[in-house]
């Protein structure tokens, strides 16, 4: 757990510090305002609740949305092939940097999920893939495309499935 926390803190950029400090400032402002208005209990409780909600939701949602905006990328599936003599699927794809920053590293994830023909079930199956595999690609410059290959193994599923690709870049 401490390793993940240390990695997260080491990966923060200046925009993260600006976001977290502004969210914390709003938290402090609303909390102090709630304390000063303690005579009006309903308003004070609402402001305290709003301050804690801003602290939790604002920092989490803001971090996710800001990184999606700053490190924008696209992934495309070129081909997939289930191997005959091995229990594996080979996936070829392309990741493209469409942000204004160079990527130090990208974690590209291929997810295999079931398909049933029922649109509601198919929508739910996307959230729970039965097999995932990830690779790391480093040093993708602005506007650059990089082809990659992911081998998903062991792949023993014999019914219909779909593959989706996603990349998380920093």
C-alpha atoms as a PDB file:
ATOM      1  CA  UNK A   1       0.000   0.000   0.000  1.00  0.00           C
ATOM      2  CA  UNK A   2       2.781   2.446   0.822  1.00  0.00           C
ATOM      3  CA  UNK A   3       4.455   1.602  -2.486  1.00  0.00           C
ATOM      4  CA  UNK A   4       1.330   2.565  -4.422  1.00  0.00           C
ATOM      5  CA  UNK A   5       0.973   5.777  -2.443  1.00  0.00           C
ATOM      6  CA  UNK A   6       4.627   6.669  -3.006  1.00  0.00           C
ATOM      7  CA  UNK A   7       4.275   5.971  -6.739  1.00  0.00           C
ATOM      8  CA  UNK A   8       1.141   8.145  -6.884  1.00  0.00           C
ATOM      9  CA  UNK A   9       2.837  11.064  -5.109  1.00  0.00           C
ATOM     10  CA  UNK A  10       5.951  10.772  -7.290  1.00  0.00           C
ATOM     11  CA  UNK A  11       3.782  10.923 -10.422  1.00  0.00           C
ATOM     12  CA  UNK A  12       2.002  14.163  -9.503  1.00  0.00           C
ATOM     13  CA  UNK A  13       2.474  17.142 -11.807  1.00  0.00           C
ATOM     14  CA  UNK A  14       2.096  20.860 -11.122  1.00  0.00           C
ATOM     15  CA  UNK A  15      -1.532  20.827 -12.298  1.00  0.00           C
ATOM     16  CA  UNK A  16      -2.333  18.180  -9.680  1.00  0.00           C
ATOM     17  CA  UNK A  17      -0.926  20.358  -6.921  1.00  0.00           C
ATOM     18  CA  UNK A  18      -2.962  23.331  -8.170  1.00  0.00           C
ATOM     19  CA  UNK A  19      -6.131  21.197  -8.244  1.00  0.00           C
ATOM     20  CA  UNK A  20      -5.610  19.713  -4.785  1.00  0.00           C
ATOM     21  CA  UNK A  21      -4.715  23.047  -3.202  1.00  0.00           C
ATOM     22  CA  UNK A  22      -7.773  24.776  -4.699  1.00  0.00           C
ATOM     23  CA  UNK A  23     -10.083  21.941  -3.584  1.00  0.00           C
ATOM     24  CA  UNK A  24      -8.558  22.073  -0.099  1.00  0.00           C
ATOM     25  CA  UNK A  25      -8.990  25.866  -0.023  1.00  0.00           C
ATOM     26  CA  UNK A  26     -12.688  25.513  -0.904  1.00  0.00           C
ATOM     27  CA  UNK A  27     -12.989  22.849   1.803  1.00  0.00           C
ATOM     28  CA  UNK A  28     -11.466  25.180   4.397  1.00  0.00           C
ATOM     29  CA  UNK A  29     -13.579  28.132   3.259  1.00  0.00           C
ATOM     30  CA  UNK A  30     -16.860  26.188   3.483  1.00  0.00           C
ATOM     31  CA  UNK A  31     -15.902  24.637   6.832  1.00  0.00           C
ATOM     32  CA  UNK A  32     -15.012  28.005   8.366  1.00  0.00           C
ATOM     33  CA  UNK A  33     -18.206  29.506   6.961  1.00  0.00           C
ATOM     34  CA  UNK A  34     -20.179  26.632   8.499  1.00  0.00           C
ATOM     35  CA  UNK A  35     -18.524  27.226  11.861  1.00  0.00           C
ATOM     36  CA  UNK A  36     -19.312  30.959  11.765  1.00  0.00           C
ATOM     37  CA  UNK A  37     -22.948  30.235  10.887  1.00  0.00           C
ATOM     38  CA  UNK A  38     -23.402  27.688  13.696  1.00  0.00           C
ATOM     39  CA  UNK A  39     -26.437  29.575  14.999  1.00  0.00           C
ATOM     40  CA  UNK A  40     -28.308  28.608  11.840  1.00  0.00           C
ATOM     41  CA  UNK A  41     -27.970  24.853  12.299  1.00  0.00           C
ATOM     42  CA  UNK A  42     -29.469  23.676   9.014  1.00  0.00           C
ATOM     43  CA  UNK A  43     -27.260  25.996   6.943  1.00  0.00           C
ATOM     44  CA  UNK A  44     -24.173  25.136   9.011  1.00  0.00           C
ATOM     45  CA  UNK A  45     -24.726  21.373   8.613  1.00  0.00           C
ATOM     46  CA  UNK A  46     -25.320  21.824   4.888  1.00  0.00           C
ATOM     47  CA  UNK A  47     -22.076  23.816   4.489  1.00  0.00           C
ATOM     48  CA  UNK A  48     -20.048  21.274   6.468  1.00  0.00           C
ATOM     49  CA  UNK A  49     -21.538  18.430   4.412  1.00  0.00           C
ATOM     50  CA  UNK A  50     -20.848  20.366   1.203  1.00  0.00           C
ATOM     51  CA  UNK A  51     -17.245  20.992   2.266  1.00  0.00           C
ATOM     52  CA  UNK A  52     -16.515  17.300   2.866  1.00  0.00           C
ATOM     53  CA  UNK A  53     -18.277  16.329  -0.351  1.00  0.00           C
ATOM     54  CA  UNK A  54     -16.186  18.887  -2.240  1.00  0.00           C
ATOM     55  CA  UNK A  55     -13.025  17.535  -0.661  1.00  0.00           C
ATOM     56  CA  UNK A  56     -13.698  13.923  -1.617  1.00  0.00           C
ATOM     57  CA  UNK A  57     -15.559  14.251  -4.919  1.00  0.00           C
ATOM     58  CA  UNK A  58     -13.741  17.337  -6.183  1.00  0.00           C
ATOM     59  CA  UNK A  59     -10.269  15.913  -5.736  1.00  0.00           C
ATOM     60  CA  UNK A  60     -11.111  12.458  -7.110  1.00  0.00           C
ATOM     61  CA  UNK A  61     -13.302  13.500 -10.036  1.00  0.00           C
ATOM     62  CA  UNK A  62     -11.096  16.509 -10.804  1.00  0.00           C
ATOM     63  CA  UNK A  63      -7.947  14.382 -10.906  1.00  0.00           C
ATOM     64  CA  UNK A  64      -9.529  11.845 -13.253  1.00  0.00           C
ATOM     65  CA  UNK A  65     -11.051  14.417 -15.619  1.00  0.00           C
ATOM     66  CA  UNK A  66      -7.942  16.593 -15.653  1.00  0.00           C
ATOM     67  CA  UNK A  67      -5.707  13.666 -16.600  1.00  0.00           C
ATOM     68  CA  UNK A  68      -8.161  12.588 -19.298  1.00  0.00           C
ATOM     69  CA  UNK A  69      -7.972  16.100 -20.726  1.00  0.00           C
ATOM     70  CA  UNK A  70      -4.214  16.639 -20.383  1.00  0.00           C
ATOM     71  CA  UNK A  71      -3.095  13.168 -21.510  1.00  0.00           C
ATOM     72  CA  UNK A  72      -5.607  12.555 -24.275  1.00  0.00           C
ATOM     73  CA  UNK A  73      -4.980   9.510 -26.447  1.00  0.00           C
ATOM     74  CA  UNK A  74      -6.756   7.178 -28.798  1.00  0.00           C
ATOM     75  CA  UNK A  75      -6.400   3.446 -29.165  1.00  0.00           C
ATOM     76  CA  UNK A  76      -7.417   1.489 -32.220  1.00  0.00           C
ATOM     77  CA  UNK A  77      -7.751  -2.246 -32.641  1.00  0.00           C
ATOM     78  CA  UNK A  78      -6.056  -3.328 -35.869  1.00  0.00           C
ATOM     79  CA  UNK A  79      -6.590  -7.086 -35.622  1.00  0.00           C
ATOM     80  CA  UNK A  80      -7.110  -9.945 -33.242  1.00  0.00           C
ATOM     81  CA  UNK A  81      -6.422 -13.605 -33.781  1.00  0.00           C
ATOM     82  CA  UNK A  82      -7.132 -16.587 -31.577  1.00  0.00           C
ATOM     83  CA  UNK A  83      -4.222 -18.978 -31.883  1.00  0.00           C
ATOM     84  CA  UNK A  84      -4.918 -22.554 -32.843  1.00  0.00           C
ATOM     85  CA  UNK A  85      -2.274 -24.559 -30.998  1.00  0.00           C
ATOM     86  CA  UNK A  86      -1.925 -22.360 -27.923  1.00  0.00           C
ATOM     87  CA  UNK A  87      -4.496 -20.980 -25.533  1.00  0.00           C
ATOM     88  CA  UNK A  88      -3.868 -17.358 -26.443  1.00  0.00           C
ATOM     89  CA  UNK A  89      -5.187 -14.399 -28.419  1.00  0.00           C
ATOM     90  CA  UNK A  90      -2.850 -12.004 -30.209  1.00  0.00           C
ATOM     91  CA  UNK A  91      -4.067  -8.413 -30.432  1.00  0.00           C
ATOM     92  CA  UNK A  92      -2.509  -5.773 -32.685  1.00  0.00           C
ATOM     93  CA  UNK A  93      -3.356  -2.144 -32.132  1.00  0.00           C
ATOM     94  CA  UNK A  94      -2.244   1.471 -32.341  1.00  0.00           C
ATOM     95  CA  UNK A  95      -2.065   4.118 -29.629  1.00  0.00           C
ATOM     96  CA  UNK A  96      -1.856   7.768 -30.693  1.00  0.00           C
ATOM     97  CA  UNK A  97      -0.834  10.739 -28.543  1.00  0.00           C
ATOM     98  CA  UNK A  98      -3.303  13.556 -29.287  1.00  0.00           C
ATOM     99  CA  UNK A  99      -2.415  15.660 -26.231  1.00  0.00           C
ATOM    100  CA  UNK A 100      -0.114  18.661 -25.935  1.00  0.00           C
ATOM    101  CA  UNK A 101       2.405  16.734 -23.811  1.00  0.00           C
ATOM    102  CA  UNK A 102       4.881  13.937 -24.467  1.00  0.00           C
ATOM    103  CA  UNK A 103       3.983  10.679 -22.750  1.00  0.00           C
ATOM    104  CA  UNK A 104       6.582   9.178 -20.441  1.00  0.00           C
ATOM    105  CA  UNK A 105       4.741   5.861 -20.327  1.00  0.00           C
ATOM    106  CA  UNK A 106       1.428   4.366 -21.365  1.00  0.00           C
ATOM    107  CA  UNK A 107      -0.258   1.393 -19.768  1.00  0.00           C
ATOM    108  CA  UNK A 108      -2.238  -0.206 -22.588  1.00  0.00           C
ATOM    109  CA  UNK A 109      -4.895  -2.685 -21.478  1.00  0.00           C
ATOM    110  CA  UNK A 110      -6.767  -5.213 -23.585  1.00  0.00           C
ATOM    111  CA  UNK A 111      -9.978  -6.552 -22.049  1.00  0.00           C
ATOM    112  CA  UNK A 112     -11.954  -9.532 -23.289  1.00  0.00           C
ATOM    113  CA  UNK A 113     -15.624  -9.659 -22.384  1.00  0.00           C
ATOM    114  CA  UNK A 114     -18.562 -11.893 -23.233  1.00  0.00           C
ATOM    115  CA  UNK A 115     -21.290 -11.027 -25.706  1.00  0.00           C
ATOM    116  CA  UNK A 116     -24.758 -12.517 -25.467  1.00  0.00           C
ATOM    117  CA  UNK A 117     -26.937 -10.784 -28.055  1.00  0.00           C
ATOM    118  CA  UNK A 118     -28.944  -9.033 -25.334  1.00  0.00           C
ATOM    119  CA  UNK A 119     -28.009  -5.343 -25.458  1.00  0.00           C
ATOM    120  CA  UNK A 120     -28.493  -4.806 -21.706  1.00  0.00           C
ATOM    121  CA  UNK A 121     -26.338  -7.821 -20.797  1.00  0.00           C
ATOM    122  CA  UNK A 122     -23.705  -6.805 -23.335  1.00  0.00           C
ATOM    123  CA  UNK A 123     -23.540  -3.356 -21.738  1.00  0.00           C
ATOM    124  CA  UNK A 124     -23.037  -4.900 -18.283  1.00  0.00           C
ATOM    125  CA  UNK A 125     -20.427  -7.407 -19.517  1.00  0.00           C
ATOM    126  CA  UNK A 126     -18.174  -4.511 -20.563  1.00  0.00           C
ATOM    127  CA  UNK A 127     -17.744  -3.592 -16.887  1.00  0.00           C
ATOM    128  CA  UNK A 128     -16.644  -7.106 -15.894  1.00  0.00           C
ATOM    129  CA  UNK A 129     -14.180  -8.497 -18.448  1.00  0.00           C
ATOM    130  CA  UNK A 130     -13.239 -12.122 -17.955  1.00  0.00           C
ATOM    131  CA  UNK A 131      -9.646 -11.603 -19.084  1.00  0.00           C
ATOM    132  CA  UNK A 132      -7.344  -8.559 -19.025  1.00  0.00           C
ATOM    133  CA  UNK A 133      -3.767  -8.095 -20.083  1.00  0.00           C
ATOM    134  CA  UNK A 134      -1.638  -4.954 -19.983  1.00  0.00           C
ATOM    135  CA  UNK A 135       1.647  -3.772 -21.424  1.00  0.00           C
ATOM    136  CA  UNK A 136       3.742  -0.638 -20.918  1.00  0.00           C
ATOM    137  CA  UNK A 137       4.912   1.533 -23.800  1.00  0.00           C
ATOM    138  CA  UNK A 138       7.286   4.387 -23.112  1.00  0.00           C
ATOM    139  CA  UNK A 139       8.319   7.623 -24.754  1.00  0.00           C
ATOM    140  CA  UNK A 140       5.434   8.504 -27.075  1.00  0.00           C
ATOM    141  CA  UNK A 141       5.872  12.049 -28.397  1.00  0.00           C
ATOM    142  CA  UNK A 142       3.144  14.559 -29.320  1.00  0.00           C
ATOM    143  CA  UNK A 143       1.230  13.460 -32.417  1.00  0.00           C
ATOM    144  CA  UNK A 144       3.102  10.160 -32.600  1.00  0.00           C
ATOM    145  CA  UNK A 145       1.446   6.794 -33.215  1.00  0.00           C
ATOM    146  CA  UNK A 146       2.849   3.577 -31.821  1.00  0.00           C
ATOM    147  CA  UNK A 147       1.843   0.100 -32.884  1.00  0.00           C
ATOM    148  CA  UNK A 148       1.746  -2.592 -30.222  1.00  0.00           C
ATOM    149  CA  UNK A 149       1.046  -6.269 -29.786  1.00  0.00           C
ATOM    150  CA  UNK A 150      -0.570  -7.836 -26.730  1.00  0.00           C
ATOM    151  CA  UNK A 151      -0.746 -11.555 -26.150  1.00  0.00           C
ATOM    152  CA  UNK A 152      -3.627 -12.499 -23.867  1.00  0.00           C
ATOM    153  CA  UNK A 153      -2.953 -15.872 -22.311  1.00  0.00           C
ATOM    154  CA  UNK A 154      -4.214 -18.294 -21.095  1.00  0.00           C
ATOM    155  CA  UNK A 155      -7.360 -17.707 -23.101  1.00  0.00           C
ATOM    156  CA  UNK A 156      -9.706 -20.669 -22.711  1.00  0.00           C
ATOM    157  CA  UNK A 157     -13.052 -19.010 -23.481  1.00  0.00           C
ATOM    158  CA  UNK A 158     -14.686 -20.717 -26.467  1.00  0.00           C
ATOM    159  CA  UNK A 159     -17.896 -18.713 -26.979  1.00  0.00           C
ATOM    160  CA  UNK A 160     -18.398 -15.276 -28.599  1.00  0.00           C
ATOM    161  CA  UNK A 161     -16.362 -12.433 -27.130  1.00  0.00           C
ATOM    162  CA  UNK A 162     -15.233  -8.898 -27.913  1.00  0.00           C
ATOM    163  CA  UNK A 163     -11.930  -7.168 -27.237  1.00  0.00           C
ATOM    164  CA  UNK A 164     -11.670  -3.573 -26.071  1.00  0.00           C
ATOM    165  CA  UNK A 165      -8.530  -1.487 -25.776  1.00  0.00           C
ATOM    166  CA  UNK A 166      -7.730   1.398 -23.481  1.00  0.00           C
ATOM    167  CA  UNK A 167      -4.622   3.372 -22.566  1.00  0.00           C
ATOM    168  CA  UNK A 168      -3.717   5.299 -19.442  1.00  0.00           C
ATOM    169  CA  UNK A 169      -0.798   7.589 -20.204  1.00  0.00           C
ATOM    170  CA  UNK A 170       1.322   9.942 -18.116  1.00  0.00           C
END
